[in-house]
Amino acid sequence: MASAVRRGRAELAPGTAGASRFRGGHGQVVTLRPPRTGNGLTLAAGCHQQSHPPFGLAGGLAARPTEARMDGAAVPVAETSARLGALPFDAGAPTVALRTAGGGGHGSPVDRPVEAVLRDVRDELLSVREALDVLRRDGRPGGLAATREA
């Protein structure tokens, strides 16, 4: 169907999981592009967990909150319902990207094994900068100091 909504991408959203010994699940990014021709579609996007992201347990950190974007620009939380609650989605409408919240983590991030953090970076689920934040735990068993000595 030539007038259907075009999905730009759907993939895991790196850096959305709550840091912890047992990292929370990753959110996803879904990008929707309007159809090339008019067809009377209306897009209704409910964006939960924008103000209150999933929390962590037993010292685990909260996940990153849900985020909505229109043509690359962030939609302020206070405007999401008004702007995405019933968006006419015909040719010429903005591209909409939703990054869903990840899951909160369980257990303190300082207890996450270095190998697991490095695997997250290798798998592109965590940026190098985020990994360095997790690995800044000199003096802890299995932390960065232990890795430097090895």
Foldseek 3Di string as FASTA:
>chain_A
DQQDKDKPDKAFDAQFWWAFQATFFTWIKIKIAGGQAADFDWAADDAPFQPPAAQAEAATGGGHAKWKDWQRHTDDPVCCCVDRHTHRRHRPGTMMMITHHTHTYYHHLQNHALVVLVVCCVVVNYPPVRSVVSQPPPPDVRGPVVVVVD
